[in-house]
Amino acid sequence: TQEKGLLGSIALIGVICSSQLWGYLADRFGRKNI
């Protein structure tokens, strides 16, 4: 059950880990490129 819970939420953990990065990179290198 714990592994199912982790698998169900792991993509959202990836979102949380990268959200600040993509905003910065989009401003720096262009939205279309990102």
Full PDB file with SEQRES, HELIX, SHEET, SSBOND, CRYST1, ORIGX, SCALE, CONECT and MASTER records, all heavy atoms in Angstrom:
SEQRES   1 A   34  THR GLN GLU LYS GLY LEU LEU GLY SER ILE ALA LEU ILE          
SEQRES   2 A   34  GLY VAL ILE CYS SER SER GLN LEU TRP GLY TYR LEU ALA          
SEQRES   3 A   34  ASP ARG PHE GLY ARG LYS ASN ILE                              
HELIX    1 AA1 GLN A    2  PHE A   29  1                                  28    
CRYST1    1.000    1.000    1.000  90.00  90.00  90.00 P 1           1          
ORIGX1      1.000000  0.000000  0.000000        0.00000                         
ORIGX2      0.000000  1.000000  0.000000        0.00000                         
ORIGX3      0.000000  0.000000  1.000000        0.00000                         
SCALE1      1.000000  0.000000  0.000000        0.00000                         
SCALE2      0.000000  1.000000  0.000000        0.00000                         
SCALE3      0.000000  0.000000  1.000000        0.00000                         
ATOM      1  N   THR A   1       0.826  -1.206   0.000  1.00  0.00           N  
ATOM      2  CA  THR A   1       0.000   0.000   0.000  1.00  0.00           C  
ATOM      3  C   THR A   1       0.862   1.258   0.000  1.00  0.00           C  
ATOM      4  O   THR A   1       0.558   2.230  -0.693  1.00  0.00           O  
ATOM      5  CB  THR A   1      -0.928  -0.005   1.235  1.00  0.00           C  
ATOM      6  OG1 THR A   1      -1.696  -1.211   1.226  1.00  0.00           O  
ATOM      7  CG2 THR A   1      -1.856   1.184   1.233  1.00  0.00           C  
ATOM      8  N   GLN A   2       1.943   1.250   0.751  1.00  0.00           N  
ATOM      9  CA  GLN A   2       2.842   2.400   0.799  1.00  0.00           C  
ATOM     10  C   GLN A   2       3.509   2.629  -0.560  1.00  0.00           C  
ATOM     11  O   GLN A   2       3.665   3.769  -0.999  1.00  0.00           O  
ATOM     12  CB  GLN A   2       3.916   2.222   1.878  1.00  0.00           C  
ATOM     13  CG  GLN A   2       3.400   2.311   3.293  1.00  0.00           C  
ATOM     14  CD  GLN A   2       2.759   1.015   3.765  1.00  0.00           C  
ATOM     15  OE1 GLN A   2       2.860  -0.038   3.139  1.00  0.00           O  
ATOM     16  NE2 GLN A   2       2.058   1.086   4.879  1.00  0.00           N  
ATOM     17  N   GLU A   3       3.887   1.565  -1.224  1.00  0.00           N  
ATOM     18  CA  GLU A   3       4.510   1.700  -2.541  1.00  0.00           C  
ATOM     19  C   GLU A   3       3.508   2.225  -3.568  1.00  0.00           C  
ATOM     20  O   GLU A   3       3.865   3.040  -4.421  1.00  0.00           O  
ATOM     21  CB  GLU A   3       5.075   0.354  -3.001  1.00  0.00           C  
ATOM     22  CG  GLU A   3       6.298  -0.067  -2.217  1.00  0.00           C  
ATOM     23  CD  GLU A   3       6.748  -1.480  -2.541  1.00  0.00           C  
ATOM     24  OE1 GLU A   3       5.912  -2.316  -2.965  1.00  0.00           O  
ATOM     25  OE2 GLU A   3       7.954  -1.763  -2.350  1.00  0.00           O  
ATOM     26  N   LYS A   4       2.269   1.802  -3.458  1.00  0.00           N  
ATOM     27  CA  LYS A   4       1.237   2.339  -4.348  1.00  0.00           C  
ATOM     28  C   LYS A   4       1.024   3.827  -4.096  1.00  0.00           C  
ATOM     29  O   LYS A   4       0.875   4.612  -5.039  1.00  0.00           O  
ATOM     30  CB  LYS A   4      -0.087   1.590  -4.154  1.00  0.00           C  
ATOM     31  CG  LYS A   4      -0.101   0.241  -4.790  1.00  0.00           C  
ATOM     32  CD  LYS A   4      -1.390  -0.533  -4.683  1.00  0.00           C  
ATOM     33  CE  LYS A   4      -2.571   0.109  -4.071  1.00  0.00           C  
ATOM     34  NZ  LYS A   4      -3.728  -0.776  -3.928  1.00  0.00           N  
ATOM     35  N   GLY A   5       1.019   4.224  -2.854  1.00  0.00           N  
ATOM     36  CA  GLY A   5       0.867   5.643  -2.519  1.00  0.00           C  
ATOM     37  C   GLY A   5       2.014   6.476  -3.049  1.00  0.00           C  
ATOM     38  O   GLY A   5       1.810   7.572  -3.583  1.00  0.00           O  
ATOM     39  N   LEU A   6       3.226   5.972  -2.907  1.00  0.00           N  
ATOM     40  CA  LEU A   6       4.393   6.684  -3.412  1.00  0.00           C  
ATOM     41  C   LEU A   6       4.357   6.780  -4.930  1.00  0.00           C  
ATOM     42  O   LEU A   6       4.630   7.833  -5.503  1.00  0.00           O  
ATOM     43  CB  LEU A   6       5.677   6.007  -2.950  1.00  0.00           C  
ATOM     44  CG  LEU A   6       6.984   6.686  -3.366  1.00  0.00           C  
ATOM     45  CD1 LEU A   6       7.047   8.116  -2.844  1.00  0.00           C  
ATOM     46  CD2 LEU A   6       8.169   5.871  -2.868  1.00  0.00           C  
ATOM     47  N   LEU A   7       3.986   5.701  -5.587  1.00  0.00           N  
ATOM     48  CA  LEU A   7       3.901   5.710  -7.040  1.00  0.00           C  
ATOM     49  C   LEU A   7       2.832   6.678  -7.532  1.00  0.00           C  
ATOM     50  O   LEU A   7       3.028   7.377  -8.523  1.00  0.00           O  
ATOM     51  CB  LEU A   7       3.633   4.302  -7.567  1.00  0.00           C  
ATOM     52  CG  LEU A   7       3.604   4.144  -9.086  1.00  0.00           C  
ATOM     53  CD1 LEU A   7       4.924   4.596  -9.694  1.00  0.00           C  
ATOM     54  CD2 LEU A   7       3.313   2.704  -9.455  1.00  0.00           C  
ATOM     55  N   GLY A   8       1.729   6.761  -6.818  1.00  0.00           N  
ATOM     56  CA  GLY A   8       0.664   7.684  -7.196  1.00  0.00           C  
ATOM     57  C   GLY A   8       1.043   9.138  -7.036  1.00  0.00           C  
ATOM     58  O   GLY A   8       0.508  10.009  -7.723  1.00  0.00           O  
ATOM     59  N   SER A   9       1.965   9.426  -6.154  1.00  0.00           N  
ATOM     60  CA  SER A   9       2.329  10.819  -5.890  1.00  0.00           C  
ATOM     61  C   SER A   9       3.709  11.218  -6.391  1.00  0.00           C  
ATOM     62  O   SER A   9       4.077  12.389  -6.301  1.00  0.00           O  
ATOM     63  CB  SER A   9       2.252  11.086  -4.390  1.00  0.00           C  
ATOM     64  OG  SER A   9       3.172  10.264  -3.695  1.00  0.00           O  
ATOM     65  N   ILE A  10       4.467  10.294  -6.951  1.00  0.00           N  
ATOM     66  CA  ILE A  10       5.852  10.600  -7.314  1.00  0.00           C  
ATOM     67  C   ILE A  10       5.951  11.658  -8.404  1.00  0.00           C  
ATOM     68  O   ILE A  10       6.868  12.484  -8.392  1.00  0.00           O  
ATOM     69  CB  ILE A  10       6.634   9.321  -7.694  1.00  0.00           C  
ATOM     70  CG1 ILE A  10       8.140   9.586  -7.703  1.00  0.00           C  
ATOM     71  CG2 ILE A  10       6.188   8.772  -9.033  1.00  0.00           C  
ATOM     72  CD1 ILE A  10       8.730   9.814  -6.354  1.00  0.00           C  
ATOM     73  N   ALA A  11       5.004  11.691  -9.336  1.00  0.00           N  
ATOM     74  CA  ALA A  11       5.038  12.719 -10.382  1.00  0.00           C  
ATOM     75  C   ALA A  11       4.828  14.099  -9.770  1.00  0.00           C  
ATOM     76  O   ALA A  11       5.468  15.076 -10.179  1.00  0.00           O  
ATOM     77  CB  ALA A  11       3.993  12.437 -11.448  1.00  0.00           C  
ATOM     78  N   LEU A  12       3.958  14.181  -8.773  1.00  0.00           N  
ATOM     79  CA  LEU A  12       3.742  15.467  -8.116  1.00  0.00           C  
ATOM     80  C   LEU A  12       4.962  15.896  -7.306  1.00  0.00           C  
ATOM     81  O   LEU A  12       5.236  17.094  -7.185  1.00  0.00           O  
ATOM     82  CB  LEU A  12       2.499  15.397  -7.230  1.00  0.00           C  
ATOM     83  CG  LEU A  12       1.193  15.159  -7.999  1.00  0.00           C  
ATOM     84  CD1 LEU A  12       0.047  14.927  -7.042  1.00  0.00           C  
ATOM     85  CD2 LEU A  12       0.905  16.315  -8.920  1.00  0.00           C  
ATOM     86  N   ILE A  13       5.685  14.949  -6.782  1.00  0.00           N  
ATOM     87  CA  ILE A  13       6.939  15.273  -6.096  1.00  0.00           C  
ATOM     88  C   ILE A  13       7.927  15.844  -7.101  1.00  0.00           C  
ATOM     89  O   ILE A  13       8.641  16.805  -6.813  1.00  0.00           O  
ATOM     90  CB  ILE A  13       7.498  14.028  -5.372  1.00  0.00           C  
ATOM     91  CG1 ILE A  13       6.562  13.617  -4.245  1.00  0.00           C  
ATOM     92  CG2 ILE A  13       8.904  14.283  -4.845  1.00  0.00           C  
ATOM     93  CD1 ILE A  13       6.865  12.270  -3.616  1.00  0.00           C  
ATOM     94  N   GLY A  14       7.963  15.290  -8.313  1.00  0.00           N  
ATOM     95  CA  GLY A  14       8.798  15.842  -9.380  1.00  0.00           C  
ATOM     96  C   GLY A  14       8.401  17.257  -9.736  1.00  0.00           C  
ATOM     97  O   GLY A  14       9.257  18.117  -9.985  1.00  0.00           O  
ATOM     98  N   VAL A  15       7.105  17.532  -9.753  1.00  0.00           N  
ATOM     99  CA  VAL A  15       6.614  18.891 -10.022  1.00  0.00           C  
ATOM    100  C   VAL A  15       7.094  19.848  -8.945  1.00  0.00           C  
ATOM    101  O   VAL A  15       7.596  20.945  -9.240  1.00  0.00           O  
ATOM    102  CB  VAL A  15       5.072  18.898 -10.112  1.00  0.00           C  
ATOM    103  CG1 VAL A  15       4.520  20.306 -10.087  1.00  0.00           C  
ATOM    104  CG2 VAL A  15       4.601  18.175 -11.358  1.00  0.00           C  
ATOM    105  N   ILE A  16       6.965  19.443  -7.696  1.00  0.00           N  
ATOM    106  CA  ILE A  16       7.388  20.300  -6.587  1.00  0.00           C  
ATOM    107  C   ILE A  16       8.886  20.580  -6.657  1.00  0.00           C  
ATOM    108  O   ILE A  16       9.332  21.706  -6.419  1.00  0.00           O  
ATOM    109  CB  ILE A  16       7.014  19.652  -5.237  1.00  0.00           C  
ATOM    110  CG1 ILE A  16       5.501  19.660  -5.077  1.00  0.00           C  
ATOM    111  CG2 ILE A  16       7.682  20.366  -4.078  1.00  0.00           C  
ATOM    112  CD1 ILE A  16       4.997  18.812  -3.936  1.00  0.00           C  
ATOM    113  N   CYS A  17       9.662  19.579  -7.011  1.00  0.00           N  
ATOM    114  CA  CYS A  17      11.120  19.739  -7.052  1.00  0.00           C  
ATOM    115  C   CYS A  17      11.584  20.641  -8.196  1.00  0.00           C  
ATOM    116  O   CYS A  17      12.672  21.201  -8.126  1.00  0.00           O  
ATOM    117  CB  CYS A  17      11.796  18.375  -7.172  1.00  0.00           C  
ATOM    118  SG  CYS A  17      11.645  17.372  -5.695  1.00  0.00           S  
ATOM    119  N   SER A  18      10.781  20.778  -9.246  1.00  0.00           N  
ATOM    120  CA  SER A  18      11.261  21.515 -10.419  1.00  0.00           C  
ATOM    121  C   SER A  18      10.527  22.802 -10.715  1.00  0.00           C  
ATOM    122  O   SER A  18      10.906  23.517 -11.639  1.00  0.00           O  
ATOM    123  CB  SER A  18      11.184  20.611 -11.646  1.00  0.00           C  
ATOM    124  OG  SER A  18       9.839  20.330 -11.968  1.00  0.00           O  
ATOM    125  N   SER A  19       9.512  23.138  -9.967  1.00  0.00           N  
ATOM    126  CA  SER A  19       8.678  24.279 -10.344  1.00  0.00           C  
ATOM    127  C   SER A  19       9.441  25.601 -10.385  1.00  0.00           C  
ATOM    128  O   SER A  19       9.242  26.400 -11.305  1.00  0.00           O  
ATOM    129  CB  SER A  19       7.471  24.382  -9.419  1.00  0.00           C  
ATOM    130  OG  SER A  19       7.882  24.535  -8.093  1.00  0.00           O  
ATOM    131  N   GLN A  20      10.293  25.839  -9.459  1.00  0.00           N  
ATOM    132  CA  GLN A  20      11.061  27.086  -9.476  1.00  0.00           C  
ATOM    133  C   GLN A  20      12.078  27.113 -10.616  1.00  0.00           C  
ATOM    134  O   GLN A  20      12.313  28.144 -11.236  1.00  0.00           O  
ATOM    135  CB  GLN A  20      11.787  27.283  -8.136  1.00  0.00           C  
ATOM    136  CG  GLN A  20      10.860  27.466  -6.966  1.00  0.00           C  
ATOM    137  CD  GLN A  20      10.058  28.741  -7.058  1.00  0.00           C  
ATOM    138  OE1 GLN A  20      10.535  29.757  -7.505  1.00  0.00           O  
ATOM    139  NE2 GLN A  20       8.811  28.670  -6.637  1.00  0.00           N  
ATOM    140  N   LEU A  21      12.645  25.980 -10.904  1.00  0.00           N  
ATOM    141  CA  LEU A  21      13.652  25.876 -11.955  1.00  0.00           C  
ATOM    142  C   LEU A  21      13.100  26.261 -13.320  1.00  0.00           C  
ATOM    143  O   LEU A  21      13.701  27.032 -14.054  1.00  0.00           O  
ATOM    144  CB  LEU A  21      14.202  24.442 -12.000  1.00  0.00           C  
ATOM    145  CG  LEU A  21      15.135  24.120 -13.163  1.00  0.00           C  
ATOM    146  CD1 LEU A  21      16.457  24.842 -12.991  1.00  0.00           C  
ATOM    147  CD2 LEU A  21      15.322  22.628 -13.283  1.00  0.00           C  
ATOM    148  N   TRP A  22      11.927  25.733 -13.685  1.00  0.00           N  
ATOM    149  CA  TRP A  22      11.402  25.966 -15.030  1.00  0.00           C  
ATOM    150  C   TRP A  22      10.987  27.408 -15.245  1.00  0.00           C  
ATOM    151  O   TRP A  22      11.136  27.937 -16.345  1.00  0.00           O  
ATOM    152  CB  TRP A  22      10.248  25.009 -15.324  1.00  0.00           C  
ATOM    153  CG  TRP A  22      10.700  23.596 -15.355  1.00  0.00           C  
ATOM    154  CD1 TRP A  22      10.227  22.582 -14.600  1.00  0.00           C  
ATOM    155  CD2 TRP A  22      11.726  23.035 -16.180  1.00  0.00           C  
ATOM    156  NE1 TRP A  22      10.900  21.417 -14.891  1.00  0.00           N  
ATOM    157  CE2 TRP A  22      11.830  21.669 -15.869  1.00  0.00           C  
ATOM    158  CE3 TRP A  22      12.589  23.550 -17.143  1.00  0.00           C  
ATOM    159  CZ2 TRP A  22      12.734  20.818 -16.481  1.00  0.00           C  
ATOM    160  CZ3 TRP A  22      13.493  22.694 -17.756  1.00  0.00           C  
ATOM    161  CH2 TRP A  22      13.553  21.356 -17.426  1.00  0.00           C  
ATOM    162  N   GLY A  23      10.467  28.058 -14.229  1.00  0.00           N  
ATOM    163  CA  GLY A  23      10.138  29.478 -14.371  1.00  0.00           C  
ATOM    164  C   GLY A  23      11.377  30.307 -14.658  1.00  0.00           C  
ATOM    165  O   GLY A  23      11.383  31.168 -15.542  1.00  0.00           O  
ATOM    166  N   TYR A  24      12.432  30.031 -13.920  1.00  0.00           N  
ATOM    167  CA  TYR A  24      13.692  30.755 -14.136  1.00  0.00           C  
ATOM    168  C   TYR A  24      14.258  30.468 -15.524  1.00  0.00           C  
ATOM    169  O   TYR A  24      14.659  31.381 -16.245  1.00  0.00           O  
ATOM    170  CB  TYR A  24      14.711  30.366 -13.058  1.00  0.00           C  
ATOM    171  CG  TYR A  24      16.094  30.859 -13.369  1.00  0.00           C  
ATOM    172  CD1 TYR A  24      16.424  32.198 -13.207  1.00  0.00           C  
ATOM    173  CD2 TYR A  24      17.080  29.994 -13.848  1.00  0.00           C  
ATOM    174  CE1 TYR A  24      17.699  32.662 -13.512  1.00  0.00           C  
ATOM    175  CE2 TYR A  24      18.347  30.443 -14.155  1.00  0.00           C  
ATOM    176  CZ  TYR A  24      18.644  31.778 -13.983  1.00  0.00           C  
ATOM    177  OH  TYR A  24      19.890  32.239 -14.296  1.00  0.00           O  
ATOM    178  N   LEU A  25      14.310  29.192 -15.902  1.00  0.00           N  
ATOM    179  CA  LEU A  25      14.882  28.837 -17.203  1.00  0.00           C  
ATOM    180  C   LEU A  25      14.049  29.382 -18.361  1.00  0.00           C  
ATOM    181  O   LEU A  25      14.603  29.770 -19.396  1.00  0.00           O  
ATOM    182  CB  LEU A  25      15.026  27.319 -17.328  1.00  0.00           C  
ATOM    183  CG  LEU A  25      16.082  26.683 -16.427  1.00  0.00           C  
ATOM    184  CD1 LEU A  25      16.072  25.169 -16.596  1.00  0.00           C  
ATOM    185  CD2 LEU A  25      17.458  27.247 -16.698  1.00  0.00           C  
ATOM    186  N   ALA A  26      12.737  29.442 -18.200  1.00  0.00           N  
ATOM    187  CA  ALA A  26      11.880  30.005 -19.246  1.00  0.00           C  
ATOM    188  C   ALA A  26      12.149  31.492 -19.428  1.00  0.00           C  
ATOM    189  O   ALA A  26      12.178  31.994 -20.556  1.00  0.00           O  
ATOM    190  CB  ALA A  26      10.413  29.766 -18.913  1.00  0.00           C  
ATOM    191  N   ASP A  27      12.356  32.194 -18.337  1.00  0.00           N  
ATOM    192  CA  ASP A  27      12.688  33.616 -18.439  1.00  0.00           C  
ATOM    193  C   ASP A  27      14.075  33.821 -19.032  1.00  0.00           C  
ATOM    194  O   ASP A  27      14.317  34.775 -19.756  1.00  0.00           O  
ATOM    195  CB  ASP A  27      12.619  34.280 -17.061  1.00  0.00           C  
ATOM    196  CG  ASP A  27      11.197  34.428 -16.567  1.00  0.00           C  
ATOM    197  OD1 ASP A  27      10.268  34.352 -17.399  1.00  0.00           O  
ATOM    198  OD2 ASP A  27      11.018  34.622 -15.347  1.00  0.00           O  
ATOM    199  N   ARG A  28      14.966  32.926 -18.742  1.00  0.00           N  
ATOM    200  CA  ARG A  28      16.361  33.061 -19.192  1.00  0.00           C  
ATOM    201  C   ARG A  28      16.561  32.627 -20.646  1.00  0.00           C  
ATOM    202  O   ARG A  28      17.255  33.293 -21.396  1.00  0.00           O  
ATOM    203  CB  ARG A  28      17.245  32.209 -18.271  1.00  0.00           C  
ATOM    204  CG  ARG A  28      18.698  32.206 -18.598  1.00  0.00           C  
ATOM    205  CD  ARG A  28      19.450  33.157 -17.715  1.00  0.00           C  
ATOM    206  NE  ARG A  28      20.865  32.897 -17.812  1.00  0.00           N  
ATOM    207  CZ  ARG A  28      21.664  33.619 -18.582  1.00  0.00           C  
ATOM    208  NH1 ARG A  28      21.203  34.601 -19.291  1.00  0.00           N  
ATOM    209  NH2 ARG A  28      22.953  33.345 -18.626  1.00  0.00           N  
ATOM    210  N   PHE A  29      15.948  31.502 -21.052  1.00  0.00           N  
ATOM    211  CA  PHE A  29      16.210  30.929 -22.373  1.00  0.00           C  
ATOM    212  C   PHE A  29      15.020  30.980 -23.330  1.00  0.00           C  
ATOM    213  O   PHE A  29      15.132  30.518 -24.463  1.00  0.00           O  
ATOM    214  CB  PHE A  29      16.680  29.475 -22.234  1.00  0.00           C  
ATOM    215  CG  PHE A  29      17.963  29.350 -21.477  1.00  0.00           C  
ATOM    216  CD1 PHE A  29      17.974  28.835 -20.197  1.00  0.00           C  
ATOM    217  CD2 PHE A  29      19.158  29.775 -22.036  1.00  0.00           C  
ATOM    218  CE1 PHE A  29      19.167  28.729 -19.491  1.00  0.00           C  
ATOM    219  CE2 PHE A  29      20.348  29.667 -21.334  1.00  0.00           C  
ATOM    220  CZ  PHE A  29      20.349  29.155 -20.057  1.00  0.00           C  
ATOM    221  N   GLY A  30      13.904  31.481 -22.875  1.00  0.00           N  
ATOM    222  CA  GLY A  30      12.733  31.589 -23.735  1.00  0.00           C  
ATOM    223  C   GLY A  30      11.692  30.538 -23.438  1.00  0.00           C  
ATOM    224  O   GLY A  30      12.016  29.373 -23.211  1.00  0.00           O  
ATOM    225  N   ARG A  31      10.441  30.965 -23.447  1.00  0.00           N  
ATOM    226  CA  ARG A  31       9.349  30.063 -23.105  1.00  0.00           C  
ATOM    227  C   ARG A  31       9.178  28.951 -24.129  1.00  0.00           C  
ATOM    228  O   ARG A  31       8.946  27.804 -23.781  1.00  0.00           O  
ATOM    229  CB  ARG A  31       8.064  30.862 -22.940  1.00  0.00           C  
ATOM    230  CG  ARG A  31       8.078  31.682 -21.675  1.00  0.00           C  
ATOM    231  CD  ARG A  31       6.891  32.632 -21.598  1.00  0.00           C  
ATOM    232  NE  ARG A  31       6.967  33.440 -20.395  1.00  0.00           N  
ATOM    233  CZ  ARG A  31       7.759  34.488 -20.234  1.00  0.00           C  
ATOM    234  NH1 ARG A  31       8.559  34.852 -21.206  1.00  0.00           N  
ATOM    235  NH2 ARG A  31       7.763  35.165 -19.108  1.00  0.00           N  
ATOM    236  N   LYS A  32       9.275  29.294 -25.408  1.00  0.00           N  
ATOM    237  CA  LYS A  32       9.096  28.283 -26.449  1.00  0.00           C  
ATOM    238  C   LYS A  32      10.162  27.191 -26.342  1.00  0.00           C  
ATOM    239  O   LYS A  32       9.859  26.008 -26.448  1.00  0.00           O  
ATOM    240  CB  LYS A  32       9.140  28.914 -27.830  1.00  0.00           C  
ATOM    241  CG  LYS A  32       8.949  27.902 -28.934  1.00  0.00           C  
ATOM    242  CD  LYS A  32       9.027  28.553 -30.296  1.00  0.00           C  
ATOM    243  CE  LYS A  32       8.920  27.498 -31.381  1.00  0.00           C  
ATOM    244  NZ  LYS A  32       9.119  28.050 -32.706  1.00  0.00           N  
ATOM    245  N   ASN A  33      11.401  27.594 -26.114  1.00  0.00           N  
ATOM    246  CA  ASN A  33      12.489  26.615 -25.994  1.00  0.00           C  
ATOM    247  C   ASN A  33      12.254  25.663 -24.830  1.00  0.00           C  
ATOM    248  O   ASN A  33      12.439  24.444 -24.963  1.00  0.00           O  
ATOM    249  CB  ASN A  33      13.830  27.325 -25.827  1.00  0.00           C  
ATOM    250  CG  ASN A  33      14.225  28.104 -27.049  1.00  0.00           C  
ATOM    251  OD1 ASN A  33      13.818  27.784 -28.160  1.00  0.00           O  
ATOM    252  ND2 ASN A  33      15.002  29.141 -26.853  1.00  0.00           N  
ATOM    253  N   ILE A  34      11.841  26.203 -23.706  1.00  0.00           N  
ATOM    254  CA  ILE A  34      11.592  25.368 -22.526  1.00  0.00           C  
ATOM    255  C   ILE A  34      10.362  24.492 -22.749  1.00  0.00           C  
ATOM    256  O   ILE A  34      10.349  23.315 -22.380  1.00  0.00           O  
ATOM    257  CB  ILE A  34      11.441  26.242 -21.261  1.00  0.00           C  
ATOM    258  CG1 ILE A  34      12.765  26.960 -20.972  1.00  0.00           C  
ATOM    259  CG2 ILE A  34      10.991  25.414 -20.069  1.00  0.00           C  
ATOM    260  CD1 ILE A  34      13.953  26.046 -20.757  1.00  0.00           C  
TER     261      ILE A  34                                                      
MASTER        0    0    0    1    0    0    0    6  260    1    0    3          
END                                                                             
